[in-house]
Amino acid sequence: MNLIESKNLKTFIIVCLIVFLGMFGIVLMKLPSQQEPVKTDEETVVTQPKSNPPVQYNEERNKKMLQILEDRPALSPSDQTRRAQLTASVNPLSETLEYSLEYLSAPDEFMVEIRTIDINSAKQKAISWFKSKGLSDEGICHLPLVFYLNYDVAQNLRDMKVEFDPLPPGC
């Protein structure tokens, strides 16, 4: 292939890409928007993003959780010993119908999956498990320990206006 044919081929490819992207843009503009109209007092229609998460996470508690994950507060010597024993254990560390507790080494944190809509009961039982292993209340707060909802549980709570706290109670 000579230089002229090479330039023509490049030009042809560029033109095809421009046409394709233009057609793709037109198709995207024709798709229905994922926004719902909202009527205001003046009867004008304003759109707002369609968002209906199953549960709301408490923003203030979420920020505190992130702070604990970033700062990694110091544990007492006793809590450090207990934590080391737990991190050396096999997952799941504890599992019931209400929760599953695991240690994740990569982020270096304990995670509790809530498996019931009775969130407070599941949290209390998981906390009791940690206390039975010798951890103090302060140690439990600083492990770090994060709670999250099982997908099915979150879906079951969808219309109940639940605000979920990812931290242990009292932390």
N, C-alpha and C. Protein backbone atom coordinates (compact mmCIF):
# COMPACT_ATOMS: atom_id res chain seq x y z
N MET A 1 0.85 -1.17 0.00
CA MET A 1 0.00 0.00 0.00
C MET A 1 0.90 1.23 0.00
N ASN A 2 0.63 2.17 -0.89
CA ASN A 2 1.48 3.35 -0.96
C ASN A 2 0.95 4.43 -0.03
N LEU A 3 1.65 5.55 0.02
CA LEU A 3 1.34 6.64 0.93
C LEU A 3 -0.03 7.24 0.66
N ILE A 4 -0.42 7.40 -0.58
CA ILE A 4 -1.73 7.99 -0.92
C ILE A 4 -2.85 7.08 -0.45
N GLU A 5 -2.73 5.78 -0.70
CA GLU A 5 -3.77 4.84 -0.26
C GLU A 5 -3.86 4.82 1.26
N SER A 6 -2.72 4.93 1.94
CA SER A 6 -2.68 4.93 3.40
C SER A 6 -3.41 6.14 3.95
N LYS A 7 -3.19 7.33 3.34
CA LYS A 7 -3.88 8.55 3.78
C LYS A 7 -5.37 8.44 3.53
N ASN A 8 -5.76 7.89 2.38
CA ASN A 8 -7.18 7.73 2.07
C ASN A 8 -7.85 6.77 3.05
N LEU A 9 -7.16 5.70 3.42
CA LEU A 9 -7.72 4.73 4.36
C LEU A 9 -7.91 5.37 5.73
N LYS A 10 -6.91 6.14 6.17
CA LYS A 10 -7.02 6.83 7.46
C LYS A 10 -8.18 7.82 7.44
N THR A 11 -8.31 8.58 6.35
CA THR A 11 -9.40 9.54 6.22
C THR A 11 -10.74 8.82 6.24
N PHE A 12 -10.83 7.73 5.51
CA PHE A 12 -12.06 6.95 5.46
C PHE A 12 -12.44 6.45 6.87
N ILE A 13 -11.46 5.93 7.61
CA ILE A 13 -11.73 5.42 8.97
C ILE A 13 -12.19 6.55 9.88
N ILE A 14 -11.55 7.70 9.79
CA ILE A 14 -11.92 8.84 10.63
C ILE A 14 -13.34 9.30 10.31
N VAL A 15 -13.68 9.38 9.04
CA VAL A 15 -15.04 9.78 8.63
C VAL A 15 -16.06 8.78 9.14
N CYS A 16 -15.76 7.48 9.01
CA CYS A 16 -16.67 6.44 9.51
C CYS A 16 -16.88 6.57 11.01
N LEU A 17 -15.81 6.83 11.75
CA LEU A 17 -15.93 6.99 13.20
C LEU A 17 -16.81 8.20 13.55
N ILE A 18 -16.60 9.30 12.84
CA ILE A 18 -17.39 10.50 13.11
C ILE A 18 -18.87 10.24 12.82
N VAL A 19 -19.17 9.59 11.72
CA VAL A 19 -20.55 9.27 11.37
C VAL A 19 -21.15 8.33 12.41
N PHE A 20 -20.40 7.31 12.79
CA PHE A 20 -20.89 6.35 13.79
C PHE A 20 -21.18 7.04 15.11
N LEU A 21 -20.22 7.86 15.59
CA LEU A 21 -20.43 8.56 16.86
C LEU A 21 -21.60 9.53 16.78
N GLY A 22 -21.77 10.17 15.64
CA GLY A 22 -22.91 11.07 15.46
C GLY A 22 -24.23 10.32 15.53
N MET A 23 -24.29 9.16 14.87
CA MET A 23 -25.52 8.36 14.90
C MET A 23 -25.77 7.82 16.31
N PHE A 24 -24.71 7.43 17.01
CA PHE A 24 -24.84 6.92 18.36
C PHE A 24 -25.39 8.02 19.28
N GLY A 25 -24.90 9.25 19.10
CA GLY A 25 -25.40 10.39 19.89
C GLY A 25 -26.87 10.64 19.64
N ILE A 26 -27.30 10.54 18.38
CA ILE A 26 -28.72 10.75 18.05
C ILE A 26 -29.57 9.68 18.72
N VAL A 27 -29.10 8.44 18.68
CA VAL A 27 -29.85 7.35 19.31
C VAL A 27 -29.95 7.58 20.81
N LEU A 28 -28.87 8.02 21.45
CA LEU A 28 -28.91 8.28 22.88
C LEU A 28 -29.88 9.40 23.23
N MET A 29 -29.95 10.42 22.38
CA MET A 29 -30.87 11.53 22.64
C MET A 29 -32.31 11.07 22.52
N LYS A 30 -32.59 10.09 21.69
CA LYS A 30 -33.95 9.61 21.49
C LYS A 30 -34.42 8.67 22.59
N LEU A 31 -33.46 8.07 23.36
CA LEU A 31 -33.85 7.15 24.43
C LEU A 31 -34.61 7.89 25.51
N PRO A 32 -35.54 7.20 26.19
CA PRO A 32 -36.27 7.86 27.27
C PRO A 32 -35.31 8.22 28.40
N SER A 33 -35.53 9.36 28.95
CA SER A 33 -34.69 9.85 30.03
C SER A 33 -34.99 9.08 31.31
N GLN A 34 -33.97 8.94 32.15
CA GLN A 34 -34.18 8.29 33.44
C GLN A 34 -34.47 9.35 34.49
N GLN A 35 -35.24 10.31 34.10
CA GLN A 35 -35.63 11.35 35.03
C GLN A 35 -37.15 11.41 35.08
N GLU A 36 -37.65 11.76 36.25
CA GLU A 36 -39.08 11.87 36.42
C GLU A 36 -39.46 13.35 36.47
N PRO A 37 -40.56 13.73 35.83
CA PRO A 37 -40.98 15.12 35.92
C PRO A 37 -41.55 15.41 37.31
N VAL A 38 -41.24 16.59 37.80
CA VAL A 38 -41.75 17.04 39.08
C VAL A 38 -42.45 18.36 38.85
N LYS A 39 -43.69 18.48 39.32
CA LYS A 39 -44.43 19.73 39.14
C LYS A 39 -44.11 20.68 40.28
N THR A 40 -43.89 21.93 39.93
CA THR A 40 -43.65 22.95 40.94
C THR A 40 -44.93 23.76 41.11
N ASP A 41 -44.88 24.77 41.98
CA ASP A 41 -46.06 25.60 42.24
C ASP A 41 -46.56 26.31 40.99
N GLU A 42 -45.67 26.69 40.09
CA GLU A 42 -46.08 27.41 38.89
C GLU A 42 -46.51 26.46 37.77
N GLU A 43 -46.63 25.19 38.06
CA GLU A 43 -47.02 24.18 37.08
C GLU A 43 -46.01 24.01 35.95
N THR A 44 -44.78 24.44 36.19
CA THR A 44 -43.74 24.16 35.21
C THR A 44 -43.15 22.80 35.57
N VAL A 45 -42.65 22.11 34.59
CA VAL A 45 -42.12 20.78 34.83
C VAL A 45 -40.61 20.86 34.95
N VAL A 46 -40.11 20.34 36.05
CA VAL A 46 -38.68 20.28 36.31
C VAL A 46 -38.34 18.81 36.43
N THR A 47 -37.19 18.43 35.94
CA THR A 47 -36.81 17.03 36.06
C THR A 47 -35.80 16.86 37.18
N GLN A 48 -35.91 15.72 37.85
CA GLN A 48 -34.94 15.39 38.87
C GLN A 48 -34.56 13.93 38.70
N PRO A 49 -33.31 13.60 39.03
CA PRO A 49 -32.86 12.23 38.80
C PRO A 49 -33.74 11.20 39.52
N LYS A 50 -33.96 10.09 38.83
CA LYS A 50 -34.74 9.01 39.41
C LYS A 50 -33.80 8.18 40.27
N SER A 51 -34.03 8.20 41.57
CA SER A 51 -33.18 7.48 42.49
C SER A 51 -34.03 6.96 43.62
N ASN A 52 -34.03 5.67 43.78
CA ASN A 52 -34.81 5.07 44.84
C ASN A 52 -34.02 3.93 45.46
N PRO A 53 -32.95 4.28 46.23
CA PRO A 53 -32.20 3.21 46.86
C PRO A 53 -33.09 2.51 47.88
N PRO A 54 -32.83 1.23 48.13
CA PRO A 54 -33.68 0.50 49.07
C PRO A 54 -33.64 1.08 50.48
N VAL A 55 -32.48 1.49 50.95
CA VAL A 55 -32.36 2.13 52.27
C VAL A 55 -31.41 3.31 52.14
N GLN A 56 -31.58 4.25 53.03
CA GLN A 56 -30.67 5.38 53.09
C GLN A 56 -29.60 5.09 54.15
N TYR A 57 -28.36 5.41 53.84
CA TYR A 57 -27.30 5.27 54.82
C TYR A 57 -27.16 6.60 55.55
N ASN A 58 -27.02 6.55 56.86
CA ASN A 58 -26.86 7.74 57.68
C ASN A 58 -25.54 8.41 57.28
N GLU A 59 -25.64 9.59 56.70
CA GLU A 59 -24.44 10.26 56.16
C GLU A 59 -23.42 10.60 57.23
N GLU A 60 -23.89 11.09 58.37
CA GLU A 60 -22.96 11.46 59.44
C GLU A 60 -22.21 10.23 59.95
N ARG A 61 -22.91 9.13 60.14
CA ARG A 61 -22.29 7.90 60.62
C ARG A 61 -21.38 7.29 59.54
N ASN A 62 -21.76 7.47 58.29
CA ASN A 62 -20.92 7.01 57.18
C ASN A 62 -19.58 7.76 57.19
N LYS A 63 -19.64 9.06 57.42
CA LYS A 63 -18.41 9.87 57.49
C LYS A 63 -17.54 9.43 58.65
N LYS A 64 -18.20 9.15 59.79
CA LYS A 64 -17.43 8.69 60.95
C LYS A 64 -16.77 7.34 60.66
N MET A 65 -17.48 6.46 59.98
CA MET A 65 -16.92 5.16 59.61
C MET A 65 -15.68 5.35 58.74
N LEU A 66 -15.78 6.23 57.75
CA LEU A 66 -14.64 6.50 56.87
C LEU A 66 -13.46 7.08 57.65
N GLN A 67 -13.76 7.92 58.63
CA GLN A 67 -12.72 8.51 59.47
C GLN A 67 -11.98 7.42 60.25
N ILE A 68 -12.74 6.48 60.81
CA ILE A 68 -12.13 5.37 61.55
C ILE A 68 -11.27 4.52 60.62
N LEU A 69 -11.77 4.26 59.41
CA LEU A 69 -11.02 3.45 58.44
C LEU A 69 -9.72 4.15 58.02
N GLU A 70 -9.76 5.47 57.92
CA GLU A 70 -8.56 6.22 57.52
C GLU A 70 -7.58 6.40 58.67
N ASP A 71 -8.09 6.76 59.84
CA ASP A 71 -7.22 7.10 60.97
C ASP A 71 -6.71 5.89 61.75
N ARG A 72 -7.49 4.80 61.74
CA ARG A 72 -7.13 3.58 62.47
C ARG A 72 -6.74 3.91 63.92
N PRO A 73 -7.73 4.28 64.74
CA PRO A 73 -7.43 4.60 66.15
C PRO A 73 -6.72 3.43 66.85
N ALA A 74 -5.86 3.77 67.80
CA ALA A 74 -5.08 2.75 68.52
C ALA A 74 -5.98 1.92 69.42
N LEU A 75 -5.63 0.65 69.53
CA LEU A 75 -6.33 -0.26 70.42
C LEU A 75 -5.51 -0.46 71.69
N SER A 76 -6.18 -0.79 72.79
CA SER A 76 -5.47 -1.12 74.03
C SER A 76 -4.67 -2.40 73.79
N PRO A 77 -3.65 -2.65 74.58
CA PRO A 77 -2.87 -3.89 74.40
C PRO A 77 -3.75 -5.15 74.44
N SER A 78 -4.73 -5.17 75.33
CA SER A 78 -5.62 -6.32 75.43
C SER A 78 -6.45 -6.48 74.16
N ASP A 79 -6.99 -5.37 73.66
CA ASP A 79 -7.78 -5.42 72.43
C ASP A 79 -6.92 -5.78 71.23
N GLN A 80 -5.66 -5.32 71.21
CA GLN A 80 -4.74 -5.68 70.13
C GLN A 80 -4.51 -7.19 70.10
N THR A 81 -4.36 -7.78 71.28
CA THR A 81 -4.14 -9.23 71.36
C THR A 81 -5.36 -9.98 70.85
N ARG A 82 -6.54 -9.57 71.29
CA ARG A 82 -7.78 -10.23 70.86
C ARG A 82 -7.98 -10.07 69.35
N ARG A 83 -7.69 -8.88 68.86
CA ARG A 83 -7.84 -8.63 67.41
C ARG A 83 -6.90 -9.54 66.62
N ALA A 84 -5.67 -9.66 67.07
CA ALA A 84 -4.70 -10.51 66.38
C ALA A 84 -5.17 -11.96 66.34
N GLN A 85 -5.79 -12.43 67.43
CA GLN A 85 -6.32 -13.79 67.46
C GLN A 85 -7.45 -13.95 66.43
N LEU A 86 -8.30 -12.95 66.36
CA LEU A 86 -9.43 -13.01 65.42
C LEU A 86 -8.97 -12.95 63.97
N THR A 87 -7.98 -12.11 63.69
CA THR A 87 -7.52 -11.97 62.29
C THR A 87 -6.81 -13.23 61.81
N ALA A 88 -6.35 -14.05 62.74
CA ALA A 88 -5.68 -15.30 62.36
C ALA A 88 -6.68 -16.45 62.18
N SER A 89 -7.94 -16.20 62.49
CA SER A 89 -8.97 -17.23 62.40
C SER A 89 -9.49 -17.38 60.97
N VAL A 90 -10.20 -18.47 60.73
CA VAL A 90 -10.77 -18.77 59.42
C VAL A 90 -12.16 -18.13 59.29
N ASN A 91 -12.45 -17.58 58.12
CA ASN A 91 -13.77 -16.99 57.84
C ASN A 91 -14.78 -18.07 57.49
N PRO A 92 -16.02 -17.86 57.77
CA PRO A 92 -16.57 -16.77 58.57
C PRO A 92 -16.22 -16.95 60.04
N LEU A 93 -15.96 -15.84 60.71
CA LEU A 93 -15.61 -15.91 62.13
C LEU A 93 -16.82 -16.32 62.96
N SER A 94 -17.99 -15.83 62.53
CA SER A 94 -19.24 -16.19 63.19
C SER A 94 -20.34 -16.09 62.15
N GLU A 95 -21.26 -17.05 62.18
CA GLU A 95 -22.33 -17.03 61.19
C GLU A 95 -23.61 -17.58 61.83
N THR A 96 -24.67 -16.80 61.69
CA THR A 96 -25.99 -17.21 62.17
C THR A 96 -27.00 -16.90 61.07
N LEU A 97 -28.25 -17.16 61.35
CA LEU A 97 -29.29 -16.78 60.39
C LEU A 97 -29.42 -15.26 60.29
N GLU A 98 -28.99 -14.54 61.34
CA GLU A 98 -29.15 -13.09 61.39
C GLU A 98 -27.96 -12.30 60.85
N TYR A 99 -26.77 -12.88 60.93
CA TYR A 99 -25.59 -12.16 60.46
C TYR A 99 -24.47 -13.12 60.08
N SER A 100 -23.53 -12.59 59.30
CA SER A 100 -22.30 -13.31 58.99
C SER A 100 -21.15 -12.33 59.21
N LEU A 101 -20.16 -12.76 59.98
CA LEU A 101 -19.05 -11.90 60.36
C LEU A 101 -17.76 -12.44 59.75
N GLU A 102 -17.04 -11.58 59.05
CA GLU A 102 -15.78 -11.98 58.44
C GLU A 102 -14.72 -10.92 58.65
N TYR A 103 -13.47 -11.36 58.59
CA TYR A 103 -12.35 -10.44 58.59
C TYR A 103 -11.80 -10.39 57.18
N LEU A 104 -11.64 -9.18 56.65
CA LEU A 104 -11.08 -9.00 55.31
C LEU A 104 -9.67 -8.43 55.46
N SER A 105 -8.70 -9.19 55.03
CA SER A 105 -7.31 -8.78 55.24
C SER A 105 -6.88 -7.61 54.36
N ALA A 106 -7.35 -7.57 53.11
CA ALA A 106 -6.89 -6.50 52.21
C ALA A 106 -7.26 -5.11 52.74
N PRO A 107 -8.50 -4.85 53.12
CA PRO A 107 -8.77 -3.55 53.72
C PRO A 107 -8.48 -3.54 55.22
N ASP A 108 -8.17 -4.72 55.80
CA ASP A 108 -7.87 -4.87 57.22
C ASP A 108 -9.03 -4.37 58.08
N GLU A 109 -10.20 -4.99 57.86
CA GLU A 109 -11.38 -4.61 58.63
C GLU A 109 -12.31 -5.80 58.80
N PHE A 110 -13.16 -5.68 59.80
CA PHE A 110 -14.17 -6.70 60.06
C PHE A 110 -15.47 -6.22 59.43
N MET A 111 -16.15 -7.14 58.77
CA MET A 111 -17.41 -6.82 58.09
C MET A 111 -18.50 -7.75 58.62
N VAL A 112 -19.66 -7.17 58.89
CA VAL A 112 -20.81 -7.95 59.34
C VAL A 112 -21.94 -7.74 58.35
N GLU A 113 -22.33 -8.82 57.70
CA GLU A 113 -23.47 -8.78 56.79
C GLU A 113 -24.73 -9.05 57.61
N ILE A 114 -25.66 -8.08 57.58
CA ILE A 114 -26.93 -8.24 58.27
C ILE A 114 -27.86 -9.02 57.35
N ARG A 115 -28.42 -10.13 57.87
CA ARG A 115 -29.25 -11.02 57.06
C ARG A 115 -30.71 -11.02 57.48
N THR A 116 -31.12 -10.04 58.24
CA THR A 116 -32.49 -9.97 58.73
C THR A 116 -32.96 -8.53 58.72
N ILE A 117 -34.27 -8.34 58.66
CA ILE A 117 -34.77 -6.96 58.73
C ILE A 117 -34.73 -6.43 60.15
N ASP A 118 -34.49 -7.30 61.13
CA ASP A 118 -34.33 -6.87 62.52
C ASP A 118 -32.86 -6.48 62.73
N ILE A 119 -32.52 -5.34 62.17
CA ILE A 119 -31.13 -4.86 62.13
C ILE A 119 -30.53 -4.73 63.52
N ASN A 120 -31.26 -4.11 64.43
CA ASN A 120 -30.71 -3.86 65.77
C ASN A 120 -30.39 -5.17 66.50
N SER A 121 -31.26 -6.15 66.39
CA SER A 121 -31.02 -7.45 67.03
C SER A 121 -29.76 -8.10 66.45
N ALA A 122 -29.63 -8.08 65.14
CA ALA A 122 -28.45 -8.68 64.50
C ALA A 122 -27.17 -7.97 64.93
N LYS A 123 -27.23 -6.65 64.99
CA LYS A 123 -26.05 -5.89 65.42
C LYS A 123 -25.68 -6.25 66.86
N GLN A 124 -26.69 -6.30 67.74
CA GLN A 124 -26.42 -6.61 69.14
C GLN A 124 -25.81 -8.00 69.30
N LYS A 125 -26.30 -8.96 68.53
CA LYS A 125 -25.76 -10.32 68.62
C LYS A 125 -24.32 -10.38 68.10
N ALA A 126 -24.02 -9.64 67.07
CA ALA A 126 -22.64 -9.59 66.56
C ALA A 126 -21.73 -8.92 67.59
N ILE A 127 -22.18 -7.85 68.20
CA ILE A 127 -21.40 -7.16 69.24
C ILE A 127 -21.17 -8.10 70.43
N SER A 128 -22.21 -8.83 70.81
CA SER A 128 -22.07 -9.79 71.92
C SER A 128 -21.02 -10.84 71.59
N TRP A 129 -20.95 -11.26 70.33
CA TRP A 129 -19.94 -12.23 69.93
C TRP A 129 -18.54 -11.66 70.15
N PHE A 130 -18.33 -10.40 69.72
CA PHE A 130 -17.02 -9.76 69.92
C PHE A 130 -16.69 -9.64 71.41
N LYS A 131 -17.69 -9.28 72.21
CA LYS A 131 -17.45 -9.17 73.66
C LYS A 131 -17.11 -10.53 74.26
N SER A 132 -17.74 -11.59 73.75
CA SER A 132 -17.44 -12.93 74.26
C SER A 132 -16.00 -13.34 73.93
N LYS A 133 -15.41 -12.69 72.96
CA LYS A 133 -14.01 -12.96 72.59
C LYS A 133 -13.05 -12.07 73.36
N GLY A 134 -13.59 -11.23 74.26
CA GLY A 134 -12.74 -10.42 75.13
C GLY A 134 -12.50 -8.99 74.69
N LEU A 135 -13.15 -8.54 73.64
CA LEU A 135 -12.94 -7.16 73.19
C LEU A 135 -13.77 -6.18 74.03
N SER A 136 -13.19 -5.02 74.28
CA SER A 136 -13.89 -3.97 75.02
C SER A 136 -14.81 -3.20 74.07
N ASP A 137 -15.70 -2.39 74.64
CA ASP A 137 -16.58 -1.55 73.81
C ASP A 137 -15.77 -0.63 72.91
N GLU A 138 -14.73 0.00 73.47
CA GLU A 138 -13.88 0.89 72.69
C GLU A 138 -13.13 0.12 71.60
N GLY A 139 -12.67 -1.07 71.94
CA GLY A 139 -11.98 -1.90 70.96
C GLY A 139 -12.87 -2.27 69.79
N ILE A 140 -14.13 -2.59 70.09
CA ILE A 140 -15.08 -2.93 69.04
C ILE A 140 -15.28 -1.73 68.10
N CYS A 141 -15.32 -0.55 68.67
CA CYS A 141 -15.50 0.66 67.85
C CYS A 141 -14.30 0.96 66.97
N HIS A 142 -13.11 0.52 67.41
CA HIS A 142 -11.89 0.88 66.69
C HIS A 142 -11.26 -0.26 65.90
N LEU A 143 -11.93 -1.39 65.77
CA LEU A 143 -11.32 -2.57 65.12
C LEU A 143 -10.70 -2.29 63.74
N PRO A 144 -11.23 -1.77 62.76
CA PRO A 144 -12.57 -1.25 62.52
C PRO A 144 -13.58 -2.36 62.17
N LEU A 145 -14.84 -2.04 62.46
CA LEU A 145 -15.95 -2.95 62.24
C LEU A 145 -17.03 -2.22 61.47
N VAL A 146 -17.45 -2.80 60.34
CA VAL A 146 -18.45 -2.18 59.47
C VAL A 146 -19.61 -3.15 59.25
N PHE A 147 -20.82 -2.64 59.41
CA PHE A 147 -22.02 -3.42 59.14
C PHE A 147 -22.56 -3.04 57.76
N TYR A 148 -23.13 -4.01 57.07
CA TYR A 148 -23.80 -3.73 55.81
C TYR A 148 -24.98 -4.68 55.66
N LEU A 149 -25.92 -4.30 54.79
CA LEU A 149 -27.12 -5.09 54.60
C LEU A 149 -26.97 -6.06 53.44
N ASN A 150 -27.42 -7.27 53.65
CA ASN A 150 -27.55 -8.26 52.60
C ASN A 150 -28.47 -7.66 51.53
N TYR A 151 -28.22 -7.96 50.27
CA TYR A 151 -28.99 -7.38 49.17
C TYR A 151 -30.49 -7.64 49.33
N ASP A 152 -30.86 -8.88 49.63
CA ASP A 152 -32.28 -9.23 49.76
C ASP A 152 -32.93 -8.49 50.92
N VAL A 153 -32.20 -8.35 52.02
CA VAL A 153 -32.73 -7.62 53.18
C VAL A 153 -32.95 -6.16 52.81
N ALA A 154 -31.98 -5.57 52.13
CA ALA A 154 -32.13 -4.17 51.71
C ALA A 154 -33.36 -4.01 50.82
N GLN A 155 -33.58 -4.95 49.91
CA GLN A 155 -34.76 -4.87 49.04
C GLN A 155 -36.05 -5.02 49.85
N ASN A 156 -36.05 -5.88 50.86
CA ASN A 156 -37.24 -6.04 51.70
C ASN A 156 -37.54 -4.79 52.52
N LEU A 157 -36.53 -3.98 52.77
CA LEU A 157 -36.70 -2.74 53.55
C LEU A 157 -37.00 -1.53 52.66
N ARG A 158 -37.09 -1.74 51.37
CA ARG A 158 -37.20 -0.65 50.40
C ARG A 158 -38.21 0.42 50.77
N ASP A 159 -39.41 0.07 51.09
CA ASP A 159 -40.46 1.08 51.32
C ASP A 159 -40.69 1.38 52.80
N MET A 160 -39.76 1.00 53.64
CA MET A 160 -39.93 1.20 55.08
C MET A 160 -39.21 2.44 55.60
N LYS A 161 -38.60 3.22 54.72
CA LYS A 161 -37.91 4.45 55.09
C LYS A 161 -36.87 4.22 56.19
N VAL A 162 -36.03 3.20 55.99
CA VAL A 162 -34.99 2.85 56.95
C VAL A 162 -33.75 3.69 56.68
N GLU A 163 -33.16 4.22 57.76
CA GLU A 163 -31.87 4.88 57.66
C GLU A 163 -30.87 3.97 58.36
N PHE A 164 -29.94 3.43 57.58
CA PHE A 164 -29.01 2.42 58.08
C PHE A 164 -27.74 3.05 58.59
N ASP A 165 -27.28 2.58 59.76
CA ASP A 165 -26.04 3.03 60.38
C ASP A 165 -25.00 1.92 60.22
N PRO A 166 -23.89 2.15 59.51
CA PRO A 166 -22.90 1.10 59.26
C PRO A 166 -21.97 0.83 60.45
N LEU A 167 -22.09 1.63 61.51
CA LEU A 167 -21.21 1.45 62.67
C LEU A 167 -21.89 0.63 63.77
N PRO A 168 -21.07 0.07 64.66
CA PRO A 168 -21.65 -0.63 65.81
C PRO A 168 -22.41 0.37 66.70
N PRO A 169 -23.44 -0.09 67.38
CA PRO A 169 -24.17 0.80 68.29
C PRO A 169 -23.24 1.34 69.38
N GLY A 170 -23.41 2.61 69.69
CA GLY A 170 -22.62 3.22 70.75
C GLY A 170 -21.25 3.74 70.32
N CYS A 171 -20.93 3.61 69.06
CA CYS A 171 -19.60 4.07 68.61
C CYS A 171 -19.69 5.47 68.00
